[in-house]
Amino acid sequence: MRLEGKVAIVTGGGGGIGRSTSYLFAKEGAKVVVSDVNEESASATVALIKEAGGDAICVSANMVNPDEVEQLINKTVDTYGGIDILFNNAGVGGEEVKLADVPVEEWDRVVDINLKGVFLGMKFALPKMEQRGGGSIINTSSLLGFKGKKYVGPYNASKGGVILLTKNAALEYGSKNIRVNAVAPGVIDTDIVQGWKDDERKWPIIASANALRRVGQPEEVAKAVLFLASDDSSYVTGSTIHVDGGGLTF
């Protein structure tokens, strides 16, 4: 098993990519702390892991609240003795409006969750990883962190920020044996794209706008995250893996 003896935190673990990755981490031998602002959904993920014979706990946390993020990190250390892997995955979409029409409150909401949440996760996890002698952090960016799209300015900005924050952390902590990478999913079949799926005109276009001409599945992103979390990627840091079916090149 590729993560035998490792301790992993997955934020946004209540569904979609987070749930699939939590389950895969546990299957590969990790002890998994599943975190989500929705405690019920996180508990459901933990139940799936335990039914399969894995080891996991649920810790509810709002990733924009520094106190709750610090409590998440401390609970992990108290329960399992340290942190080896952090998958900073919690995120949201946003309203589709022109930039001048974006409410300031909506900008703050999207950027806080998608970017500040990643910062806070790393801020409190990095010292624990240093004490542990190393670790691996994976941050969730997006195809739209690289590629402009009309009417989603806050989301584009937040996910672009994740990419550069990932590079910064990789440079600062590489000497501490801590690797920091990101994944950039394209259109993945999760709740975040439900609004697009409900649009009978728009969805067929969006769903096929990549080289593979299909929507991705959460499990396909989870496998890329597993690679970055494991020793298989021991010489990979500061990188972003595109899991977008060729969406960026389309």
C-alpha atoms as a PDB file:
ATOM      1  CA  MET A   1       0.000   0.000   0.000  1.00  0.00           C
ATOM      2  CA  ARG A   2       1.371   3.366  -1.071  1.00  0.00           C
ATOM      3  CA  LEU A   3       0.404   5.336   2.051  1.00  0.00           C
ATOM      4  CA  GLU A   4       0.925   2.707   4.729  1.00  0.00           C
ATOM      5  CA  GLY A   5       1.460   4.376   8.118  1.00  0.00           C
ATOM      6  CA  LYS A   6       0.764   7.889   6.826  1.00  0.00           C
ATOM      7  CA  VAL A   7      -1.634  10.400   8.361  1.00  0.00           C
ATOM      8  CA  ALA A   8      -3.653  12.469   5.898  1.00  0.00           C
ATOM      9  CA  ILE A   9      -6.062  15.388   6.169  1.00  0.00           C
ATOM     10  CA  VAL A  10      -8.597  15.955   3.393  1.00  0.00           C
ATOM     11  CA  THR A  11     -10.546  19.222   3.483  1.00  0.00           C
ATOM     12  CA  GLY A  12     -13.797  19.378   1.580  1.00  0.00           C
ATOM     13  CA  GLY A  13     -13.934  15.642   2.184  1.00  0.00           C
ATOM     14  CA  GLY A  14     -17.697  15.405   2.368  1.00  0.00           C
ATOM     15  CA  GLY A  15     -18.269  14.762  -1.318  1.00  0.00           C
ATOM     16  CA  GLY A  16     -16.946  14.807  -4.862  1.00  0.00           C
ATOM     17  CA  ILE A  17     -13.178  14.849  -5.255  1.00  0.00           C
ATOM     18  CA  GLY A  18     -12.648  15.068  -1.496  1.00  0.00           C
ATOM     19  CA  ARG A  19     -14.712  11.979  -0.740  1.00  0.00           C
ATOM     20  CA  SER A  20     -13.095   9.961  -3.533  1.00  0.00           C
ATOM     21  CA  THR A  21      -9.619  10.964  -2.391  1.00  0.00           C
ATOM     22  CA  SER A  22     -10.345  10.250   1.274  1.00  0.00           C
ATOM     23  CA  TYR A  23     -11.549   6.773   0.356  1.00  0.00           C
ATOM     24  CA  LEU A  24      -8.536   6.116  -1.893  1.00  0.00           C
ATOM     25  CA  PHE A  25      -6.081   7.362   0.732  1.00  0.00           C
ATOM     26  CA  ALA A  26      -7.592   4.978   3.295  1.00  0.00           C
ATOM     27  CA  LYS A  27      -7.554   2.107   0.808  1.00  0.00           C
ATOM     28  CA  GLU A  28      -3.828   2.762   0.343  1.00  0.00           C
ATOM     29  CA  GLY A  29      -3.197   2.518   4.088  1.00  0.00           C
ATOM     30  CA  ALA A  30      -3.465   6.077   5.386  1.00  0.00           C
ATOM     31  CA  LYS A  31      -5.240   7.175   8.518  1.00  0.00           C
ATOM     32  CA  VAL A  32      -7.569   9.860   7.211  1.00  0.00           C
ATOM     33  CA  VAL A  33      -9.003  12.946   8.876  1.00  0.00           C
ATOM     34  CA  VAL A  34     -12.013  13.957   6.807  1.00  0.00           C
ATOM     35  CA  SER A  35     -12.899  17.621   7.218  1.00  0.00           C
ATOM     36  CA  ASP A  36     -15.812  19.552   5.815  1.00  0.00           C
ATOM     37  CA  VAL A  37     -17.929  22.528   6.838  1.00  0.00           C
ATOM     38  CA  ASN A  38     -20.851  20.077   6.535  1.00  0.00           C
ATOM     39  CA  GLU A  39     -20.270  17.625   9.366  1.00  0.00           C
ATOM     40  CA  GLU A  40     -22.996  15.269   8.171  1.00  0.00           C
ATOM     41  CA  SER A  41     -21.398  14.774   4.757  1.00  0.00           C
ATOM     42  CA  ALA A  42     -17.940  14.334   6.285  1.00  0.00           C
ATOM     43  CA  SER A  43     -19.325  11.723   8.664  1.00  0.00           C
ATOM     44  CA  ALA A  44     -20.819   9.886   5.688  1.00  0.00           C
ATOM     45  CA  THR A  45     -17.369   9.733   4.082  1.00  0.00           C
ATOM     46  CA  VAL A  46     -15.877   8.375   7.311  1.00  0.00           C
ATOM     47  CA  ALA A  47     -18.598   5.731   7.433  1.00  0.00           C
ATOM     48  CA  LEU A  48     -17.724   4.579   3.899  1.00  0.00           C
ATOM     49  CA  ILE A  49     -14.065   4.290   4.858  1.00  0.00           C
ATOM     50  CA  LYS A  50     -14.790   2.334   8.022  1.00  0.00           C
ATOM     51  CA  GLU A  51     -17.155  -0.011   6.188  1.00  0.00           C
ATOM     52  CA  ALA A  52     -14.219  -0.850   3.906  1.00  0.00           C
ATOM     53  CA  GLY A  53     -11.964  -1.522   6.895  1.00  0.00           C
ATOM     54  CA  GLY A  54     -10.116   1.798   6.914  1.00  0.00           C
ATOM     55  CA  ASP A  55      -9.201   4.160   9.742  1.00  0.00           C
ATOM     56  CA  ALA A  56     -10.747   7.642   9.672  1.00  0.00           C
ATOM     57  CA  ILE A  57     -12.260  10.363  11.822  1.00  0.00           C
ATOM     58  CA  CYS A  58     -14.417  13.391  11.015  1.00  0.00           C
ATOM     59  CA  VAL A  59     -13.522  16.935  12.072  1.00  0.00           C
ATOM     60  CA  SER A  60     -15.886  19.720  11.048  1.00  0.00           C
ATOM     61  CA  ALA A  61     -14.066  22.926  10.122  1.00  0.00           C
ATOM     62  CA  ASN A  62     -14.750  26.136   8.240  1.00  0.00           C
ATOM     63  CA  MET A  63     -11.506  26.705   6.335  1.00  0.00           C
ATOM     64  CA  VAL A  64     -11.824  30.508   6.448  1.00  0.00           C
ATOM     65  CA  ASN A  65     -11.826  30.495  10.254  1.00  0.00           C
ATOM     66  CA  PRO A  66      -8.240  30.402  11.592  1.00  0.00           C
ATOM     67  CA  ASP A  67      -9.292  29.005  14.966  1.00  0.00           C
ATOM     68  CA  GLU A  68     -11.200  26.125  13.374  1.00  0.00           C
ATOM     69  CA  VAL A  69      -8.351  25.311  10.996  1.00  0.00           C
ATOM     70  CA  GLU A  70      -5.862  25.284  13.866  1.00  0.00           C
ATOM     71  CA  GLN A  71      -8.201  23.009  15.817  1.00  0.00           C
ATOM     72  CA  LEU A  72      -8.376  20.667  12.818  1.00  0.00           C
ATOM     73  CA  ILE A  73      -4.596  20.411  12.702  1.00  0.00           C
ATOM     74  CA  ASN A  74      -4.269  19.960  16.474  1.00  0.00           C
ATOM     75  CA  LYS A  75      -7.009  17.302  16.559  1.00  0.00           C
ATOM     76  CA  THR A  76      -5.168  15.364  13.868  1.00  0.00           C
ATOM     77  CA  VAL A  77      -1.904  15.469  15.793  1.00  0.00           C
ATOM     78  CA  ASP A  78      -3.605  14.569  19.059  1.00  0.00           C
ATOM     79  CA  THR A  79      -5.387  11.602  17.467  1.00  0.00           C
ATOM     80  CA  TYR A  80      -2.738  10.176  15.160  1.00  0.00           C
ATOM     81  CA  GLY A  81       0.543  11.703  16.352  1.00  0.00           C
ATOM     82  CA  GLY A  82       1.370  13.919  13.377  1.00  0.00           C
ATOM     83  CA  ILE A  83       0.541  14.927   9.807  1.00  0.00           C
ATOM     84  CA  ASP A  84       2.158  13.531   6.666  1.00  0.00           C
ATOM     85  CA  ILE A  85      -0.303  14.632   3.964  1.00  0.00           C
ATOM     86  CA  LEU A  86      -2.598  17.615   3.586  1.00  0.00           C
ATOM     87  CA  PHE A  87      -5.041  17.750   0.686  1.00  0.00           C
ATOM     88  CA  ASN A  88      -6.319  21.340   0.657  1.00  0.00           C
ATOM     89  CA  ASN A  89      -9.435  20.659  -1.372  1.00  0.00           C
ATOM     90  CA  ALA A  90     -12.281  22.694   0.140  1.00  0.00           C
ATOM     91  CA  GLY A  91     -13.681  25.126  -2.405  1.00  0.00           C
ATOM     92  CA  VAL A  92     -16.733  26.734  -3.958  1.00  0.00           C
ATOM     93  CA  GLY A  93     -17.887  28.011  -7.320  1.00  0.00           C
ATOM     94  CA  GLY A  94     -19.600  31.350  -7.634  1.00  0.00           C
ATOM     95  CA  GLU A  95     -22.196  33.479  -9.344  1.00  0.00           C
ATOM     96  CA  GLU A  96     -21.704  33.980 -13.088  1.00  0.00           C
ATOM     97  CA  VAL A  97     -21.794  37.753 -13.593  1.00  0.00           C
ATOM     98  CA  LYS A  98     -19.666  40.451 -15.201  1.00  0.00           C
ATOM     99  CA  LEU A  99     -16.824  41.672 -13.033  1.00  0.00           C
ATOM    100  CA  ALA A 100     -18.336  45.115 -12.384  1.00  0.00           C
ATOM    101  CA  ASP A 101     -21.522  43.414 -11.197  1.00  0.00           C
ATOM    102  CA  VAL A 102     -19.837  41.073  -8.707  1.00  0.00           C
ATOM    103  CA  PRO A 103     -20.995  41.972  -5.188  1.00  0.00           C
ATOM    104  CA  VAL A 104     -18.032  42.639  -2.898  1.00  0.00           C
ATOM    105  CA  GLU A 105     -19.452  40.066  -0.492  1.00  0.00           C
ATOM    106  CA  GLU A 106     -19.412  37.435  -3.246  1.00  0.00           C
ATOM    107  CA  TRP A 107     -15.793  38.240  -4.128  1.00  0.00           C
ATOM    108  CA  ASP A 108     -14.815  37.882  -0.474  1.00  0.00           C
ATOM    109  CA  ARG A 109     -16.718  34.607  -0.093  1.00  0.00           C
ATOM    110  CA  VAL A 110     -15.149  32.896  -3.112  1.00  0.00           C
ATOM    111  CA  VAL A 111     -11.596  34.173  -2.583  1.00  0.00           C
ATOM    112  CA  ASP A 112     -11.695  33.466   1.155  1.00  0.00           C
ATOM    113  CA  ILE A 113     -12.757  29.852   0.757  1.00  0.00           C
ATOM    114  CA  ASN A 114     -10.702  28.990  -2.317  1.00  0.00           C
ATOM    115  CA  LEU A 115      -7.484  30.866  -1.541  1.00  0.00           C
ATOM    116  CA  LYS A 116      -7.406  31.954   2.092  1.00  0.00           C
ATOM    117  CA  GLY A 117      -8.547  28.463   3.091  1.00  0.00           C
ATOM    118  CA  VAL A 118      -5.539  26.965   1.311  1.00  0.00           C
ATOM    119  CA  PHE A 119      -3.243  29.473   3.021  1.00  0.00           C
ATOM    120  CA  LEU A 120      -4.643  28.701   6.466  1.00  0.00           C
ATOM    121  CA  GLY A 121      -4.389  24.953   5.928  1.00  0.00           C
ATOM    122  CA  MET A 122      -0.711  25.282   5.044  1.00  0.00           C
ATOM    123  CA  LYS A 123      -0.014  27.879   7.738  1.00  0.00           C
ATOM    124  CA  PHE A 124      -1.009  25.518  10.536  1.00  0.00           C
ATOM    125  CA  ALA A 125       0.071  22.218   8.968  1.00  0.00           C
ATOM    126  CA  LEU A 126       3.582  23.198   7.868  1.00  0.00           C
ATOM    127  CA  PRO A 127       5.091  23.503  11.373  1.00  0.00           C
ATOM    128  CA  LYS A 128       3.699  20.068  12.280  1.00  0.00           C
ATOM    129  CA  MET A 129       5.175  18.589   9.110  1.00  0.00           C
ATOM    130  CA  GLU A 130       8.537  20.148   9.946  1.00  0.00           C
ATOM    131  CA  GLN A 131       8.420  18.442  13.340  1.00  0.00           C
ATOM    132  CA  ARG A 132       7.550  15.193  11.560  1.00  0.00           C
ATOM    133  CA  GLY A 133      10.558  15.493   9.267  1.00  0.00           C
ATOM    134  CA  GLY A 134       8.664  16.118   6.039  1.00  0.00           C
ATOM    135  CA  GLY A 135       5.367  15.761   4.274  1.00  0.00           C
ATOM    136  CA  SER A 136       3.330  16.341   1.150  1.00  0.00           C
ATOM    137  CA  ILE A 137       0.744  19.064   0.538  1.00  0.00           C
ATOM    138  CA  ILE A 138      -1.604  19.032  -2.432  1.00  0.00           C
ATOM    139  CA  ASN A 139      -3.755  22.074  -3.194  1.00  0.00           C
ATOM    140  CA  THR A 140      -6.785  22.068  -5.457  1.00  0.00           C
ATOM    141  CA  SER A 141      -6.595  24.684  -8.195  1.00  0.00           C
ATOM    142  CA  SER A 142      -8.538  24.416 -11.452  1.00  0.00           C
ATOM    143  CA  LEU A 143      -8.308  24.550 -15.205  1.00  0.00           C
ATOM    144  CA  LEU A 144      -9.724  28.047 -14.659  1.00  0.00           C
ATOM    145  CA  GLY A 145      -6.639  28.962 -12.672  1.00  0.00           C
ATOM    146  CA  PHE A 146      -4.842  28.931 -16.046  1.00  0.00           C
ATOM    147  CA  LYS A 147      -7.563  29.739 -18.539  1.00  0.00           C
ATOM    148  CA  GLY A 148      -9.788  32.796 -18.566  1.00  0.00           C
ATOM    149  CA  LYS A 149     -13.555  32.387 -18.670  1.00  0.00           C
ATOM    150  CA  LYS A 150     -16.136  35.129 -18.801  1.00  0.00           C
ATOM    151  CA  TYR A 151     -18.266  35.899 -15.750  1.00  0.00           C
ATOM    152  CA  VAL A 152     -16.292  33.912 -13.159  1.00  0.00           C
ATOM    153  CA  GLY A 153     -13.680  36.509 -12.157  1.00  0.00           C
ATOM    154  CA  PRO A 154     -13.508  35.694  -8.426  1.00  0.00           C
ATOM    155  CA  TYR A 155     -13.175  31.977  -9.117  1.00  0.00           C
ATOM    156  CA  ASN A 156     -10.504  32.486 -11.791  1.00  0.00           C
ATOM    157  CA  ALA A 157      -8.528  34.790  -9.515  1.00  0.00           C
ATOM    158  CA  SER A 158      -8.739  32.498  -6.498  1.00  0.00           C
ATOM    159  CA  LYS A 159      -7.644  29.410  -8.391  1.00  0.00           C
ATOM    160  CA  GLY A 160      -4.816  31.261 -10.129  1.00  0.00           C
ATOM    161  CA  GLY A 161      -3.658  32.402  -6.714  1.00  0.00           C
ATOM    162  CA  VAL A 162      -3.552  28.815  -5.490  1.00  0.00           C
ATOM    163  CA  ILE A 163      -1.023  27.940  -8.192  1.00  0.00           C
ATOM    164  CA  LEU A 164       1.441  30.661  -7.202  1.00  0.00           C
ATOM    165  CA  LEU A 165       0.910  30.099  -3.475  1.00  0.00           C
ATOM    166  CA  THR A 166       1.773  26.460  -4.112  1.00  0.00           C
ATOM    167  CA  LYS A 167       5.035  27.486  -5.796  1.00  0.00           C
ATOM    168  CA  ASN A 168       5.890  29.859  -2.945  1.00  0.00           C
ATOM    169  CA  ALA A 169       5.406  27.165  -0.320  1.00  0.00           C
ATOM    170  CA  ALA A 170       7.392  24.647  -2.370  1.00  0.00           C
ATOM    171  CA  LEU A 171      10.350  27.047  -2.530  1.00  0.00           C
ATOM    172  CA  GLU A 172      10.210  27.920   1.139  1.00  0.00           C
ATOM    173  CA  TYR A 173       9.839  24.390   2.534  1.00  0.00           C
ATOM    174  CA  GLY A 174      11.681  22.144   0.093  1.00  0.00           C
ATOM    175  CA  SER A 175      14.732  22.135   2.343  1.00  0.00           C
ATOM    176  CA  LYS A 176      12.512  20.775   5.124  1.00  0.00           C
ATOM    177  CA  ASN A 177      11.573  17.742   2.999  1.00  0.00           C
ATOM    178  CA  ILE A 178       8.064  19.099   2.469  1.00  0.00           C
ATOM    179  CA  ARG A 179       6.740  18.900  -1.060  1.00  0.00           C
ATOM    180  CA  VAL A 180       3.913  21.195  -2.182  1.00  0.00           C
ATOM    181  CA  ASN A 181       2.025  20.605  -5.410  1.00  0.00           C
ATOM    182  CA  ALA A 182      -1.394  21.258  -6.902  1.00  0.00           C
ATOM    183  CA  VAL A 183      -3.958  19.599  -9.115  1.00  0.00           C
ATOM    184  CA  ALA A 184      -5.957  21.536 -11.689  1.00  0.00           C
ATOM    185  CA  PRO A 185      -9.149  19.646 -12.510  1.00  0.00           C
ATOM    186  CA  GLY A 186     -11.236  20.469 -15.533  1.00  0.00           C
ATOM    187  CA  VAL A 187     -14.968  19.783 -15.651  1.00  0.00           C
ATOM    188  CA  ILE A 188     -15.513  17.013 -13.099  1.00  0.00           C
ATOM    189  CA  ASP A 189     -18.873  15.427 -12.351  1.00  0.00           C
ATOM    190  CA  THR A 190     -19.432  16.901  -8.884  1.00  0.00           C
ATOM    191  CA  ASP A 191     -21.971  19.175  -7.215  1.00  0.00           C
ATOM    192  CA  ILE A 192     -19.986  22.293  -8.177  1.00  0.00           C
ATOM    193  CA  VAL A 193     -21.044  21.878 -11.833  1.00  0.00           C
ATOM    194  CA  GLN A 194     -24.696  21.111 -11.107  1.00  0.00           C
ATOM    195  CA  GLY A 195     -25.801  24.528 -12.353  1.00  0.00           C
ATOM    196  CA  TRP A 196     -24.169  23.839 -15.711  1.00  0.00           C
ATOM    197  CA  LYS A 197     -25.707  20.350 -15.852  1.00  0.00           C
ATOM    198  CA  ASP A 198     -29.151  21.835 -15.366  1.00  0.00           C
ATOM    199  CA  ASP A 199     -28.724  23.992 -18.484  1.00  0.00           C
ATOM    200  CA  GLU A 200     -29.772  21.743 -21.375  1.00  0.00           C
ATOM    201  CA  ARG A 201     -28.290  24.121 -23.948  1.00  0.00           C
ATOM    202  CA  LYS A 202     -24.969  24.824 -22.274  1.00  0.00           C
ATOM    203  CA  TRP A 203     -24.099  21.456 -20.687  1.00  0.00           C
ATOM    204  CA  PRO A 204     -23.453  19.405 -23.865  1.00  0.00           C
ATOM    205  CA  ILE A 205     -20.998  22.092 -25.007  1.00  0.00           C
ATOM    206  CA  ILE A 206     -19.195  22.353 -21.664  1.00  0.00           C
ATOM    207  CA  ALA A 207     -19.121  18.589 -21.158  1.00  0.00           C
ATOM    208  CA  SER A 208     -17.269  17.972 -24.420  1.00  0.00           C
ATOM    209  CA  ALA A 209     -14.938  20.988 -24.450  1.00  0.00           C
ATOM    210  CA  ASN A 210     -11.732  18.987 -24.056  1.00  0.00           C
ATOM    211  CA  ALA A 211      -9.549  16.597 -26.013  1.00  0.00           C
ATOM    212  CA  LEU A 212     -11.213  13.490 -24.546  1.00  0.00           C
ATOM    213  CA  ARG A 213     -14.689  14.911 -25.236  1.00  0.00           C
ATOM    214  CA  ARG A 214     -16.155  13.820 -21.912  1.00  0.00           C
ATOM    215  CA  VAL A 215     -16.617  14.882 -18.296  1.00  0.00           C
ATOM    216  CA  GLY A 216     -14.079  13.710 -15.733  1.00  0.00           C
ATOM    217  CA  GLN A 217     -14.918  11.650 -12.663  1.00  0.00           C
ATOM    218  CA  PRO A 218     -13.832  12.442  -9.075  1.00  0.00           C
ATOM    219  CA  GLU A 219     -11.930   9.153  -8.903  1.00  0.00           C
ATOM    220  CA  GLU A 220      -9.723  10.264 -11.788  1.00  0.00           C
ATOM    221  CA  VAL A 221      -8.624  13.351  -9.865  1.00  0.00           C
ATOM    222  CA  ALA A 222      -8.140  11.292  -6.705  1.00  0.00           C
ATOM    223  CA  LYS A 223      -5.597   9.098  -8.478  1.00  0.00           C
ATOM    224  CA  ALA A 224      -3.512  12.142  -9.413  1.00  0.00           C
ATOM    225  CA  VAL A 225      -3.689  13.389  -5.820  1.00  0.00           C
ATOM    226  CA  LEU A 226      -2.566   9.969  -4.587  1.00  0.00           C
ATOM    227  CA  PHE A 227       0.480  10.146  -6.851  1.00  0.00           C
ATOM    228  CA  LEU A 228       1.439  13.540  -5.396  1.00  0.00           C
ATOM    229  CA  ALA A 229       0.807  12.366  -1.833  1.00  0.00           C
ATOM    230  CA  SER A 230       2.907   9.221  -2.186  1.00  0.00           C
ATOM    231  CA  ASP A 231       6.628   8.629  -2.479  1.00  0.00           C
ATOM    232  CA  ASP A 232       6.078   7.901  -6.170  1.00  0.00           C
ATOM    233  CA  SER A 233       6.368  11.679  -6.647  1.00  0.00           C
ATOM    234  CA  SER A 234       9.378  12.102  -4.365  1.00  0.00           C
ATOM    235  CA  TYR A 235      11.141  14.503  -6.787  1.00  0.00           C
ATOM    236  CA  VAL A 236       8.054  16.531  -7.672  1.00  0.00           C
ATOM    237  CA  THR A 237       7.370  19.847  -5.967  1.00  0.00           C
ATOM    238  CA  GLY A 238       6.032  23.236  -7.020  1.00  0.00           C
ATOM    239  CA  SER A 239       4.142  21.562  -9.862  1.00  0.00           C
ATOM    240  CA  THR A 240       0.531  21.555 -10.944  1.00  0.00           C
ATOM    241  CA  ILE A 241      -0.904  18.438 -12.576  1.00  0.00           C
ATOM    242  CA  HIS A 242      -3.693  19.098 -15.051  1.00  0.00           C
ATOM    243  CA  VAL A 243      -6.515  16.578 -14.712  1.00  0.00           C
ATOM    244  CA  ASP A 244      -8.732  18.143 -17.339  1.00  0.00           C
ATOM    245  CA  GLY A 245      -9.030  15.714 -20.240  1.00  0.00           C
ATOM    246  CA  GLY A 246      -6.940  18.099 -22.303  1.00  0.00           C
ATOM    247  CA  GLY A 247      -9.209  21.036 -21.535  1.00  0.00           C
ATOM    248  CA  LEU A 248      -6.362  23.529 -21.354  1.00  0.00           C
ATOM    249  CA  THR A 249      -5.135  22.561 -24.813  1.00  0.00           C
ATOM    250  CA  PHE A 250      -8.612  22.472 -26.362  1.00  0.00           C
END
